[in-house]
Amino acid sequence: MIATRARALFECKKERIIGRTPMAFAPEKQADGTDSKTMYSRKLRAASSGEAQVFVWLHLRSDGVAFEGEVRLTRIDLGGESFVQAMVQDVTEKMHAKEALETSEKRYRMLLESANDAIFIADGSSGDLLDANQKAQAMVGRNLAEIQSMHLVGLHPKEFHETYKALF
């Protein structure tokens, strides 16, 4: 039975899906340049031998628009026969969000490291130090790993420790 969601995912009628291999819904090459047929054969062989496969695959909808889907291939044994069950979930938005997060993290790191001031980043509720730029590390004479094992209180003179401890 072709699930309604699969028909919606590929934007086609079940007649276009039935009897066709996943290669009918794939471009020649995957996003990383890998040949789709080669990758499909390798993943199918592994799943057929009982090794479950989970991977991102570039699919084509019936109108030719590409989308990224997380594919899960699992061997199932029924009535003495083995089959490979495929499940596909559209992860295009998830992948775009991941790329946006990576871009944001790079921008954050660049801003942090290019600042002319010492910057310490602390957890607002616990006071634990999470990050520090090179200027901050030089200022306290400690590397990042050492700073990340510290509490914000440790950055202040001992006579102020109790005051800052009360804040966290």
N, C-alpha and C. Protein backbone atom coordinates (compact mmCIF):
# COMPACT_ATOMS: atom_id res chain seq x y z
N MET A 1 0.85 -1.18 0.00
CA MET A 1 0.00 0.00 0.00
C MET A 1 0.89 1.24 0.00
N ILE A 2 0.63 2.14 -0.87
CA ILE A 2 1.40 3.37 -0.96
C ILE A 2 0.73 4.39 -0.05
N ALA A 3 1.46 4.82 0.96
CA ALA A 3 0.91 5.74 1.95
C ALA A 3 0.57 7.08 1.31
N THR A 4 -0.49 7.68 1.82
CA THR A 4 -0.92 9.00 1.36
C THR A 4 0.21 10.01 1.51
N ARG A 5 0.96 9.91 2.61
CA ARG A 5 2.05 10.86 2.85
C ARG A 5 3.17 10.69 1.82
N ALA A 6 3.41 9.47 1.37
CA ALA A 6 4.44 9.25 0.34
C ALA A 6 4.01 9.89 -0.97
N ARG A 7 2.73 9.75 -1.31
CA ARG A 7 2.23 10.39 -2.53
C ARG A 7 2.36 11.90 -2.42
N ALA A 8 2.06 12.43 -1.24
CA ALA A 8 2.18 13.88 -1.03
C ALA A 8 3.64 14.31 -1.07
N LEU A 9 4.52 13.52 -0.49
CA LEU A 9 5.95 13.84 -0.44
C LEU A 9 6.54 13.97 -1.85
N PHE A 10 6.17 13.02 -2.71
CA PHE A 10 6.70 13.01 -4.06
C PHE A 10 5.78 13.75 -5.04
N GLU A 11 4.64 14.22 -4.54
CA GLU A 11 3.66 14.99 -5.33
C GLU A 11 3.27 14.24 -6.60
N CYS A 12 2.84 13.00 -6.41
CA CYS A 12 2.40 12.23 -7.55
C CYS A 12 1.37 11.19 -7.12
N LYS A 13 0.72 10.57 -8.09
CA LYS A 13 -0.28 9.54 -7.82
C LYS A 13 0.43 8.22 -7.56
N LYS A 14 -0.29 7.33 -6.87
CA LYS A 14 0.34 6.05 -6.50
C LYS A 14 0.76 5.24 -7.73
N GLU A 15 0.08 5.42 -8.87
CA GLU A 15 0.44 4.70 -10.08
C GLU A 15 1.85 5.05 -10.56
N ARG A 16 2.28 6.24 -10.26
CA ARG A 16 3.64 6.66 -10.64
C ARG A 16 4.70 6.07 -9.71
N ILE A 17 4.28 5.62 -8.53
CA ILE A 17 5.21 5.06 -7.55
C ILE A 17 5.29 3.54 -7.65
N ILE A 18 4.14 2.90 -7.81
CA ILE A 18 4.07 1.43 -7.81
C ILE A 18 4.93 0.85 -8.93
N GLY A 19 5.75 -0.14 -8.55
CA GLY A 19 6.58 -0.86 -9.51
C GLY A 19 7.85 -0.14 -9.92
N ARG A 20 8.13 0.98 -9.31
CA ARG A 20 9.33 1.73 -9.66
C ARG A 20 10.31 1.68 -8.49
N THR A 21 11.57 1.71 -8.82
CA THR A 21 12.60 1.72 -7.78
C THR A 21 12.83 3.16 -7.32
N PRO A 22 13.47 3.33 -6.17
CA PRO A 22 13.79 4.69 -5.71
C PRO A 22 14.62 5.48 -6.71
N MET A 23 15.32 4.81 -7.59
CA MET A 23 16.12 5.52 -8.59
C MET A 23 15.26 6.36 -9.53
N ALA A 24 13.97 6.03 -9.64
CA ALA A 24 13.06 6.80 -10.48
C ALA A 24 12.81 8.19 -9.88
N PHE A 25 13.17 8.34 -8.61
CA PHE A 25 12.92 9.60 -7.89
C PHE A 25 14.23 10.24 -7.43
N ALA A 26 15.31 9.94 -8.14
CA ALA A 26 16.62 10.46 -7.74
C ALA A 26 17.32 11.11 -8.93
N PRO A 27 18.09 12.15 -8.66
CA PRO A 27 18.91 12.73 -9.74
C PRO A 27 20.09 11.80 -10.03
N GLU A 28 20.82 12.07 -11.11
CA GLU A 28 21.99 11.26 -11.45
C GLU A 28 23.02 11.25 -10.34
N LYS A 29 23.23 12.42 -9.75
CA LYS A 29 24.24 12.58 -8.70
C LYS A 29 23.58 13.08 -7.42
N GLN A 30 24.13 12.65 -6.29
CA GLN A 30 23.67 13.15 -5.01
C GLN A 30 24.34 14.49 -4.72
N ALA A 31 23.91 15.17 -3.67
CA ALA A 31 24.41 16.51 -3.35
C ALA A 31 25.93 16.55 -3.20
N ASP A 32 26.53 15.45 -2.73
CA ASP A 32 27.99 15.42 -2.54
C ASP A 32 28.74 14.99 -3.79
N GLY A 33 28.02 14.79 -4.91
CA GLY A 33 28.65 14.40 -6.17
C GLY A 33 28.70 12.91 -6.41
N THR A 34 28.29 12.12 -5.42
CA THR A 34 28.28 10.66 -5.54
C THR A 34 27.24 10.23 -6.57
N ASP A 35 27.58 9.25 -7.38
CA ASP A 35 26.65 8.69 -8.35
C ASP A 35 25.49 8.03 -7.60
N SER A 36 24.26 8.44 -7.92
CA SER A 36 23.08 7.93 -7.20
C SER A 36 22.93 6.41 -7.32
N LYS A 37 23.14 5.86 -8.54
CA LYS A 37 22.99 4.41 -8.73
C LYS A 37 23.98 3.63 -7.87
N THR A 38 25.22 4.10 -7.84
CA THR A 38 26.25 3.43 -7.04
C THR A 38 25.90 3.46 -5.56
N MET A 39 25.51 4.63 -5.10
CA MET A 39 25.17 4.77 -3.68
C MET A 39 23.94 3.93 -3.34
N TYR A 40 22.92 3.96 -4.21
CA TYR A 40 21.70 3.18 -3.98
C TYR A 40 22.03 1.69 -3.89
N SER A 41 22.83 1.20 -4.81
CA SER A 41 23.20 -0.22 -4.81
C SER A 41 23.92 -0.61 -3.53
N ARG A 42 24.85 0.24 -3.10
CA ARG A 42 25.61 -0.04 -1.87
C ARG A 42 24.70 -0.07 -0.64
N LYS A 43 23.82 0.91 -0.53
CA LYS A 43 22.90 0.99 0.61
C LYS A 43 21.91 -0.17 0.61
N LEU A 44 21.41 -0.52 -0.57
CA LEU A 44 20.45 -1.62 -0.68
C LEU A 44 21.10 -2.96 -0.31
N ARG A 45 22.34 -3.18 -0.79
CA ARG A 45 23.06 -4.41 -0.43
C ARG A 45 23.25 -4.52 1.08
N ALA A 46 23.66 -3.42 1.70
CA ALA A 46 23.89 -3.43 3.15
C ALA A 46 22.59 -3.71 3.90
N ALA A 47 21.50 -3.06 3.49
CA ALA A 47 20.20 -3.27 4.15
C ALA A 47 19.71 -4.69 3.94
N SER A 48 19.90 -5.23 2.73
CA SER A 48 19.47 -6.60 2.42
C SER A 48 20.21 -7.62 3.28
N SER A 49 21.44 -7.30 3.65
CA SER A 49 22.21 -8.23 4.48
C SER A 49 21.90 -8.06 5.98
N GLY A 50 20.97 -7.15 6.30
CA GLY A 50 20.55 -7.00 7.69
C GLY A 50 21.14 -5.79 8.40
N GLU A 51 21.95 -5.01 7.71
CA GLU A 51 22.56 -3.82 8.30
C GLU A 51 21.68 -2.60 7.99
N ALA A 52 20.90 -2.15 8.97
CA ALA A 52 19.99 -1.02 8.76
C ALA A 52 20.78 0.19 8.29
N GLN A 53 20.18 0.94 7.38
CA GLN A 53 20.84 2.11 6.80
C GLN A 53 20.01 3.36 7.08
N VAL A 54 20.67 4.42 7.51
CA VAL A 54 20.03 5.73 7.71
C VAL A 54 20.95 6.75 7.06
N PHE A 55 20.42 7.51 6.10
CA PHE A 55 21.25 8.45 5.37
C PHE A 55 20.37 9.53 4.74
N VAL A 56 20.99 10.63 4.37
CA VAL A 56 20.30 11.71 3.66
C VAL A 56 20.46 11.47 2.17
N TRP A 57 19.36 11.57 1.45
CA TRP A 57 19.33 11.27 0.03
C TRP A 57 18.61 12.40 -0.70
N LEU A 58 19.14 12.79 -1.82
CA LEU A 58 18.50 13.81 -2.65
C LEU A 58 17.46 13.14 -3.53
N HIS A 59 16.21 13.55 -3.39
CA HIS A 59 15.09 13.00 -4.16
C HIS A 59 14.59 14.04 -5.15
N LEU A 60 13.81 13.57 -6.12
CA LEU A 60 13.14 14.47 -7.06
C LEU A 60 11.64 14.26 -6.97
N ARG A 61 10.90 15.36 -6.83
CA ARG A 61 9.45 15.27 -6.88
C ARG A 61 9.04 15.10 -8.34
N SER A 62 7.78 14.83 -8.57
CA SER A 62 7.31 14.58 -9.94
C SER A 62 7.53 15.78 -10.86
N ASP A 63 7.59 17.00 -10.28
CA ASP A 63 7.83 18.19 -11.10
C ASP A 63 9.32 18.49 -11.29
N GLY A 64 10.19 17.60 -10.79
CA GLY A 64 11.63 17.76 -10.95
C GLY A 64 12.31 18.55 -9.86
N VAL A 65 11.53 19.08 -8.90
CA VAL A 65 12.11 19.85 -7.80
C VAL A 65 12.77 18.88 -6.81
N ALA A 66 14.01 19.19 -6.45
CA ALA A 66 14.78 18.32 -5.55
C ALA A 66 14.44 18.64 -4.09
N PHE A 67 14.49 17.60 -3.25
CA PHE A 67 14.36 17.78 -1.81
C PHE A 67 15.23 16.74 -1.12
N GLU A 68 15.70 17.11 0.08
CA GLU A 68 16.52 16.19 0.85
C GLU A 68 15.63 15.37 1.78
N GLY A 69 15.85 14.08 1.77
CA GLY A 69 15.07 13.19 2.62
C GLY A 69 15.97 12.29 3.42
N GLU A 70 15.59 12.08 4.66
CA GLU A 70 16.31 11.10 5.48
C GLU A 70 15.69 9.75 5.16
N VAL A 71 16.50 8.82 4.71
CA VAL A 71 16.03 7.50 4.32
C VAL A 71 16.45 6.48 5.36
N ARG A 72 15.51 5.61 5.69
CA ARG A 72 15.80 4.49 6.60
C ARG A 72 15.46 3.20 5.86
N LEU A 73 16.46 2.37 5.64
CA LEU A 73 16.28 1.09 4.98
C LEU A 73 16.47 -0.01 6.02
N THR A 74 15.48 -0.88 6.11
CA THR A 74 15.52 -1.95 7.10
C THR A 74 15.06 -3.25 6.45
N ARG A 75 15.79 -4.33 6.68
CA ARG A 75 15.37 -5.63 6.17
C ARG A 75 14.27 -6.18 7.07
N ILE A 76 13.24 -6.68 6.45
CA ILE A 76 12.19 -7.36 7.21
C ILE A 76 11.98 -8.74 6.58
N ASP A 77 11.75 -9.73 7.42
CA ASP A 77 11.54 -11.10 6.96
C ASP A 77 10.08 -11.48 7.20
N LEU A 78 9.39 -11.84 6.12
CA LEU A 78 7.97 -12.22 6.20
C LEU A 78 7.75 -13.50 5.42
N GLY A 79 7.18 -14.47 6.06
CA GLY A 79 6.83 -15.72 5.38
C GLY A 79 7.98 -16.36 4.66
N GLY A 80 9.16 -16.34 5.24
CA GLY A 80 10.33 -16.96 4.64
C GLY A 80 11.01 -16.13 3.56
N GLU A 81 10.50 -14.94 3.30
CA GLU A 81 11.12 -14.06 2.32
C GLU A 81 11.65 -12.81 3.01
N SER A 82 12.69 -12.25 2.43
CA SER A 82 13.27 -11.01 2.96
C SER A 82 12.92 -9.85 2.04
N PHE A 83 12.58 -8.74 2.66
CA PHE A 83 12.25 -7.51 1.94
C PHE A 83 13.02 -6.36 2.58
N VAL A 84 13.17 -5.28 1.85
CA VAL A 84 13.76 -4.08 2.41
C VAL A 84 12.66 -3.02 2.48
N GLN A 85 12.41 -2.57 3.69
CA GLN A 85 11.43 -1.52 3.91
C GLN A 85 12.14 -0.18 3.87
N ALA A 86 11.57 0.76 3.12
CA ALA A 86 12.16 2.10 3.02
C ALA A 86 11.20 3.12 3.62
N MET A 87 11.72 3.99 4.45
CA MET A 87 10.95 5.11 4.99
C MET A 87 11.70 6.38 4.66
N VAL A 88 10.97 7.38 4.20
CA VAL A 88 11.58 8.65 3.79
C VAL A 88 10.90 9.78 4.54
N GLN A 89 11.70 10.68 5.06
CA GLN A 89 11.17 11.88 5.72
C GLN A 89 11.85 13.10 5.10
N ASP A 90 11.06 14.07 4.67
CA ASP A 90 11.61 15.30 4.10
C ASP A 90 12.32 16.07 5.21
N VAL A 91 13.62 16.28 5.03
CA VAL A 91 14.41 17.01 6.04
C VAL A 91 15.02 18.28 5.46
N THR A 92 14.42 18.78 4.36
CA THR A 92 14.94 19.98 3.72
C THR A 92 15.02 21.14 4.71
N GLU A 93 13.92 21.39 5.43
CA GLU A 93 13.92 22.50 6.38
C GLU A 93 14.93 22.27 7.51
N LYS A 94 15.02 21.04 7.96
CA LYS A 94 15.99 20.70 9.01
C LYS A 94 17.42 20.95 8.53
N MET A 95 17.72 20.59 7.28
CA MET A 95 19.06 20.80 6.74
C MET A 95 19.35 22.28 6.57
N HIS A 96 18.35 23.06 6.13
CA HIS A 96 18.54 24.50 5.99
C HIS A 96 18.77 25.14 7.36
N ALA A 97 18.04 24.67 8.37
CA ALA A 97 18.22 25.20 9.73
C ALA A 97 19.62 24.85 10.24
N LYS A 98 20.10 23.66 9.94
CA LYS A 98 21.45 23.25 10.35
C LYS A 98 22.51 24.13 9.69
N GLU A 99 22.33 24.40 8.40
CA GLU A 99 23.27 25.27 7.69
C GLU A 99 23.26 26.68 8.26
N ALA A 100 22.05 27.19 8.58
CA ALA A 100 21.93 28.53 9.16
C ALA A 100 22.60 28.58 10.52
N LEU A 101 22.45 27.53 11.31
CA LEU A 101 23.09 27.48 12.62
C LEU A 101 24.61 27.45 12.48
N GLU A 102 25.12 26.66 11.54
CA GLU A 102 26.57 26.60 11.32
C GLU A 102 27.11 27.95 10.88
N THR A 103 26.37 28.65 10.02
CA THR A 103 26.78 29.99 9.58
C THR A 103 26.78 30.95 10.76
N SER A 104 25.76 30.87 11.58
CA SER A 104 25.66 31.73 12.76
C SER A 104 26.81 31.45 13.73
N GLU A 105 27.13 30.18 13.92
CA GLU A 105 28.22 29.81 14.82
C GLU A 105 29.56 30.33 14.30
N LYS A 106 29.77 30.26 13.00
CA LYS A 106 31.01 30.79 12.40
C LYS A 106 31.10 32.29 12.60
N ARG A 107 29.97 32.98 12.39
CA ARG A 107 29.93 34.43 12.57
C ARG A 107 30.20 34.79 14.04
N TYR A 108 29.59 34.05 14.96
CA TYR A 108 29.81 34.26 16.40
C TYR A 108 31.29 34.08 16.74
N ARG A 109 31.88 33.00 16.25
CA ARG A 109 33.28 32.70 16.55
C ARG A 109 34.20 33.79 15.97
N MET A 110 33.91 34.24 14.74
CA MET A 110 34.71 35.28 14.13
C MET A 110 34.62 36.59 14.93
N LEU A 111 33.40 36.96 15.34
CA LEU A 111 33.23 38.18 16.13
C LEU A 111 33.93 38.07 17.48
N LEU A 112 33.79 36.92 18.11
CA LEU A 112 34.40 36.70 19.42
C LEU A 112 35.92 36.81 19.33
N GLU A 113 36.50 36.16 18.33
CA GLU A 113 37.95 36.12 18.22
C GLU A 113 38.56 37.40 17.66
N SER A 114 37.78 38.18 16.92
CA SER A 114 38.34 39.41 16.36
C SER A 114 38.16 40.63 17.27
N ALA A 115 37.47 40.45 18.38
CA ALA A 115 37.26 41.57 19.31
C ALA A 115 38.58 41.99 19.95
N ASN A 116 38.73 43.28 20.18
CA ASN A 116 39.94 43.79 20.83
C ASN A 116 39.85 43.73 22.35
N ASP A 117 38.72 43.29 22.87
CA ASP A 117 38.51 43.20 24.31
C ASP A 117 38.47 41.74 24.74
N ALA A 118 38.76 41.50 26.00
CA ALA A 118 38.62 40.16 26.57
C ALA A 118 37.13 39.90 26.75
N ILE A 119 36.67 38.76 26.24
CA ILE A 119 35.26 38.40 26.37
C ILE A 119 35.15 37.02 27.00
N PHE A 120 34.38 36.95 28.07
CA PHE A 120 34.06 35.70 28.74
C PHE A 120 32.57 35.46 28.55
N ILE A 121 32.18 34.24 28.27
CA ILE A 121 30.76 33.87 28.15
C ILE A 121 30.47 32.93 29.30
N ALA A 122 29.45 33.29 30.10
CA ALA A 122 29.09 32.47 31.26
C ALA A 122 27.62 32.08 31.18
N ASP A 123 27.30 30.92 31.75
CA ASP A 123 25.92 30.48 31.88
C ASP A 123 25.24 31.44 32.87
N GLY A 124 24.16 32.07 32.46
CA GLY A 124 23.49 33.08 33.28
C GLY A 124 22.87 32.54 34.55
N SER A 125 22.53 31.28 34.58
CA SER A 125 21.90 30.74 35.79
C SER A 125 22.89 30.09 36.74
N SER A 126 23.97 29.53 36.23
CA SER A 126 24.92 28.84 37.12
C SER A 126 26.20 29.63 37.35
N GLY A 127 26.54 30.51 36.42
CA GLY A 127 27.80 31.24 36.53
C GLY A 127 28.99 30.48 36.00
N ASP A 128 28.77 29.28 35.48
CA ASP A 128 29.86 28.50 34.91
C ASP A 128 30.34 29.16 33.62
N LEU A 129 31.65 29.22 33.42
CA LEU A 129 32.21 29.83 32.22
C LEU A 129 32.13 28.83 31.07
N LEU A 130 31.62 29.31 29.94
CA LEU A 130 31.39 28.45 28.78
C LEU A 130 32.37 28.69 27.65
N ASP A 131 32.83 29.94 27.53
CA ASP A 131 33.68 30.29 26.40
C ASP A 131 34.48 31.54 26.75
N ALA A 132 35.56 31.74 26.03
CA ALA A 132 36.39 32.93 26.21
C ALA A 132 37.23 33.10 24.96
N ASN A 133 37.43 34.35 24.55
CA ASN A 133 38.25 34.58 23.37
C ASN A 133 39.74 34.58 23.75
N GLN A 134 40.60 34.72 22.74
CA GLN A 134 42.05 34.69 22.97
C GLN A 134 42.50 35.81 23.91
N LYS A 135 41.90 36.99 23.77
CA LYS A 135 42.26 38.12 24.65
C LYS A 135 41.94 37.78 26.10
N ALA A 136 40.81 37.14 26.33
CA ALA A 136 40.44 36.75 27.70
C ALA A 136 41.40 35.70 28.24
N GLN A 137 41.76 34.74 27.40
CA GLN A 137 42.68 33.70 27.82
C GLN A 137 44.04 34.30 28.19
N ALA A 138 44.51 35.26 27.39
CA ALA A 138 45.79 35.92 27.67
C ALA A 138 45.70 36.74 28.97
N MET A 139 44.56 37.38 29.18
CA MET A 139 44.38 38.23 30.34
C MET A 139 44.51 37.44 31.65
N VAL A 140 43.92 36.23 31.69
CA VAL A 140 43.96 35.44 32.92
C VAL A 140 45.06 34.38 32.90
N GLY A 141 45.78 34.27 31.78
CA GLY A 141 46.88 33.32 31.70
C GLY A 141 46.43 31.86 31.74
N ARG A 142 45.26 31.57 31.18
CA ARG A 142 44.73 30.20 31.15
C ARG A 142 44.21 29.88 29.75
N ASN A 143 44.26 28.58 29.41
CA ASN A 143 43.72 28.18 28.12
C ASN A 143 42.20 27.99 28.24
N LEU A 144 41.56 27.77 27.10
CA LEU A 144 40.11 27.67 27.08
C LEU A 144 39.59 26.53 27.96
N ALA A 145 40.23 25.39 27.91
CA ALA A 145 39.79 24.24 28.73
C ALA A 145 39.83 24.59 30.21
N GLU A 146 40.87 25.28 30.64
CA GLU A 146 40.97 25.69 32.05
C GLU A 146 39.87 26.69 32.41
N ILE A 147 39.62 27.63 31.52
CA ILE A 147 38.58 28.62 31.76
C ILE A 147 37.21 27.96 31.83
N GLN A 148 36.96 26.98 30.97
CA GLN A 148 35.67 26.29 30.95
C GLN A 148 35.45 25.45 32.20
N SER A 149 36.49 25.21 32.97
CA SER A 149 36.32 24.46 34.23
C SER A 149 36.14 25.42 35.41
N MET A 150 36.06 26.71 35.12
CA MET A 150 35.96 27.72 36.18
C MET A 150 34.53 28.24 36.33
N HIS A 151 34.31 28.86 37.46
CA HIS A 151 33.07 29.60 37.72
C HIS A 151 33.40 31.08 37.57
N LEU A 152 32.41 31.86 37.21
CA LEU A 152 32.58 33.29 37.02
C LEU A 152 33.24 33.97 38.22
N VAL A 153 32.96 33.48 39.39
CA VAL A 153 33.53 34.04 40.63
C VAL A 153 35.06 34.03 40.58
N GLY A 154 35.64 33.00 39.94
CA GLY A 154 37.09 32.87 39.87
C GLY A 154 37.79 33.96 39.07
N LEU A 155 37.03 34.77 38.37
CA LEU A 155 37.62 35.87 37.60
C LEU A 155 37.80 37.13 38.45
N HIS A 156 37.23 37.14 39.63
CA HIS A 156 37.23 38.33 40.47
C HIS A 156 38.17 38.16 41.66
N PRO A 157 38.64 39.25 42.23
CA PRO A 157 39.50 39.15 43.42
C PRO A 157 38.79 38.41 44.55
N LYS A 158 39.57 37.69 45.35
CA LYS A 158 39.01 36.84 46.41
C LYS A 158 38.07 37.61 47.35
N GLU A 159 38.37 38.88 47.63
CA GLU A 159 37.52 39.63 48.55
C GLU A 159 36.11 39.84 48.01
N PHE A 160 35.89 39.60 46.71
CA PHE A 160 34.56 39.77 46.12
C PHE A 160 33.86 38.44 45.84
N HIS A 161 34.52 37.32 46.15
CA HIS A 161 33.94 36.00 45.84
C HIS A 161 32.57 35.81 46.47
N GLU A 162 32.41 36.12 47.73
CA GLU A 162 31.12 35.91 48.40
C GLU A 162 30.03 36.75 47.76
N THR A 163 30.35 37.95 47.36
CA THR A 163 29.37 38.82 46.71
C THR A 163 28.90 38.19 45.41
N TYR A 164 29.83 37.68 44.59
CA TYR A 164 29.46 37.11 43.30
C TYR A 164 28.81 35.73 43.46
N LYS A 165 29.21 34.97 44.48
CA LYS A 165 28.57 33.68 44.74
C LYS A 165 27.10 33.87 45.05
N ALA A 166 26.77 34.93 45.73
CA ALA A 166 25.38 35.20 46.10
C ALA A 166 24.51 35.46 44.87
N LEU A 167 25.12 35.87 43.78
CA LEU A 167 24.37 36.14 42.57
C LEU A 167 23.97 34.86 41.81
N PHE A 168 24.66 33.76 42.11
CA PHE A 168 24.38 32.52 41.37
C PHE A 168 23.89 31.43 42.27
